[in-house]
């Protein structure tokens, strides 16, 4: 079981991820709406896993991953991207993300990504 921080600017996506991750037996310890919020909550909650949307206001997911990786190489990060964001996905993997899932995602794909990196 992992402690998870969900980061997405869309409440519906956070709810969907929370529902899926909870059903898989993980504990959602926090939610963030943008990259800055994610960094703050990461430092406060010390999750094992972060789901990170790529496109968000204030600070995008790639920048947030770069910041988090400066101080922590242990936490696992799954990027959540929309179709057609291949360039951003590559950039986020280079920034330190462990895997990615493409929206709209299925419960099977979420489980596969989480199992793979944990």
Protein backbone atom coordinates (compact mmCIF):
# COMPACT_ATOMS: atom_id res chain seq x y z
CA UNK A 1 0.00 0.00 0.00
CA UNK A 2 1.33 3.40 -0.97
CA UNK A 3 0.58 6.88 0.38
CA UNK A 4 -0.45 8.90 -2.68
CA UNK A 5 -0.61 12.61 -3.52
CA UNK A 6 -2.91 13.33 -6.49
CA UNK A 7 -2.15 16.44 -8.54
CA UNK A 8 -4.57 17.69 -11.19
CA UNK A 9 -6.29 21.02 -11.82
CA UNK A 10 -9.56 19.21 -12.64
CA UNK A 11 -11.55 18.08 -9.59
CA UNK A 12 -13.21 15.34 -11.66
CA UNK A 13 -9.82 13.81 -12.55
CA UNK A 14 -8.67 13.94 -8.91
CA UNK A 15 -11.89 12.21 -7.85
CA UNK A 16 -11.51 9.53 -10.54
CA UNK A 17 -7.89 8.82 -9.59
CA UNK A 18 -8.71 8.81 -5.87
CA UNK A 19 -11.53 6.33 -6.43
CA UNK A 20 -9.32 4.01 -8.49
CA UNK A 21 -6.29 4.19 -6.19
CA UNK A 22 -8.41 3.64 -3.06
CA UNK A 23 -9.99 0.55 -4.65
CA UNK A 24 -6.45 -0.75 -5.29
CA UNK A 25 -5.75 -0.46 -1.56
CA UNK A 26 -3.67 2.73 -1.57
CA UNK A 27 -4.15 5.66 0.78
CA UNK A 28 -4.70 9.08 -0.81
CA UNK A 29 -3.05 11.42 1.70
CA UNK A 30 -3.59 14.63 -0.23
CA UNK A 31 -4.68 16.42 -3.39
CA UNK A 32 -3.11 19.38 -5.19
CA UNK A 33 -4.49 21.62 -7.95
CA UNK A 34 -1.20 22.80 -9.49
CA UNK A 35 2.54 22.24 -9.38
CA UNK A 36 3.26 24.77 -6.64
CA UNK A 37 0.55 23.23 -4.47
CA UNK A 38 1.98 19.76 -5.21
CA UNK A 39 5.49 20.73 -4.04
CA UNK A 40 4.09 22.22 -0.83
CA UNK A 41 1.90 19.16 -0.10
CA UNK A 42 4.73 16.79 -1.04
CA UNK A 43 7.02 18.41 1.55
CA UNK A 44 4.24 18.32 4.15
CA UNK A 45 2.83 14.80 3.54
CA UNK A 46 5.86 12.80 2.28
CA UNK A 47 3.87 10.48 -0.03
CA UNK A 48 5.36 7.34 -1.65
CA UNK A 49 3.70 8.10 -4.97
CA UNK A 50 2.57 11.24 -6.81
CA UNK A 51 0.21 11.37 -9.76
CA UNK A 52 1.02 14.56 -11.65
CA UNK A 53 -1.02 16.20 -14.39
CA UNK A 54 1.21 17.78 -17.04
CA UNK A 55 -0.80 20.88 -17.97
CA UNK A 56 -1.85 23.00 -14.98
CA UNK A 57 -1.99 26.71 -14.10
CA UNK A 58 0.76 28.43 -12.06
CA UNK A 59 3.31 25.62 -12.45
CA UNK A 60 3.04 22.67 -14.81
CA UNK A 61 3.74 19.06 -13.86
CA UNK A 62 7.14 18.89 -15.56
CA UNK A 63 8.46 21.87 -13.56
CA UNK A 64 6.98 20.45 -10.34
CA UNK A 65 8.70 17.09 -10.91
CA UNK A 66 12.03 18.85 -11.51
CA UNK A 67 11.62 20.73 -8.19
CA UNK A 68 10.61 17.61 -6.23
CA UNK A 69 13.50 15.61 -7.73
CA UNK A 70 16.03 18.21 -6.50
CA UNK A 71 15.43 17.02 -2.94
CA UNK A 72 13.98 13.53 -3.37
CA UNK A 73 14.96 10.71 -5.67
CA UNK A 74 12.89 8.06 -3.87
CA UNK A 75 9.29 9.17 -4.48
CA UNK A 76 7.59 7.55 -7.47
CA UNK A 77 5.88 9.85 -9.99
CA UNK A 78 3.24 8.95 -12.57
CA UNK A 79 2.48 11.68 -15.09
CA UNK A 80 -1.07 12.07 -16.39
CA UNK A 81 -1.22 13.44 -19.91
CA UNK A 82 -3.85 14.20 -22.48
CA UNK A 83 -3.65 12.71 -25.96
CA UNK A 84 -1.15 14.51 -28.16
CA UNK A 85 1.25 15.51 -25.37
CA UNK A 86 4.05 13.11 -26.35
CA UNK A 87 6.69 15.85 -26.26
CA UNK A 88 5.68 16.81 -22.72
CA UNK A 89 5.65 13.14 -21.67
CA UNK A 90 9.23 12.69 -22.89
CA UNK A 91 10.23 15.90 -21.10
CA UNK A 92 8.58 14.73 -17.86
CA UNK A 93 10.36 11.34 -17.99
CA UNK A 94 13.65 13.22 -18.48
CA UNK A 95 12.71 15.40 -15.49
CA UNK A 96 12.37 12.29 -13.32
CA UNK A 97 8.88 10.84 -13.76
CA UNK A 98 8.74 7.03 -13.51
CA UNK A 99 5.77 6.35 -15.82
CA UNK A 100 2.76 8.01 -17.43
CA UNK A 101 -0.89 7.34 -18.10
CA UNK A 102 -2.92 8.95 -20.89
CA UNK A 103 -6.34 10.48 -20.23
CA UNK A 104 -9.01 9.21 -20.30
CA UNK A 105 -7.47 6.39 -18.32
CA UNK A 106 -8.88 3.00 -17.39
CA UNK A 107 -8.66 1.39 -13.95
CA UNK A 108 -6.51 -1.34 -15.55
CA UNK A 109 -3.95 1.17 -16.85
CA UNK A 110 -3.76 2.94 -13.48
CA UNK A 111 -3.17 -0.41 -11.73
CA UNK A 112 -0.55 -1.41 -14.30
CA UNK A 113 1.42 1.84 -13.90
CA UNK A 114 1.25 1.77 -10.09
CA UNK A 115 2.22 -1.91 -9.85
CA UNK A 116 5.11 -1.37 -12.28
CA UNK A 117 6.79 1.40 -10.32
CA UNK A 118 6.04 0.26 -6.78
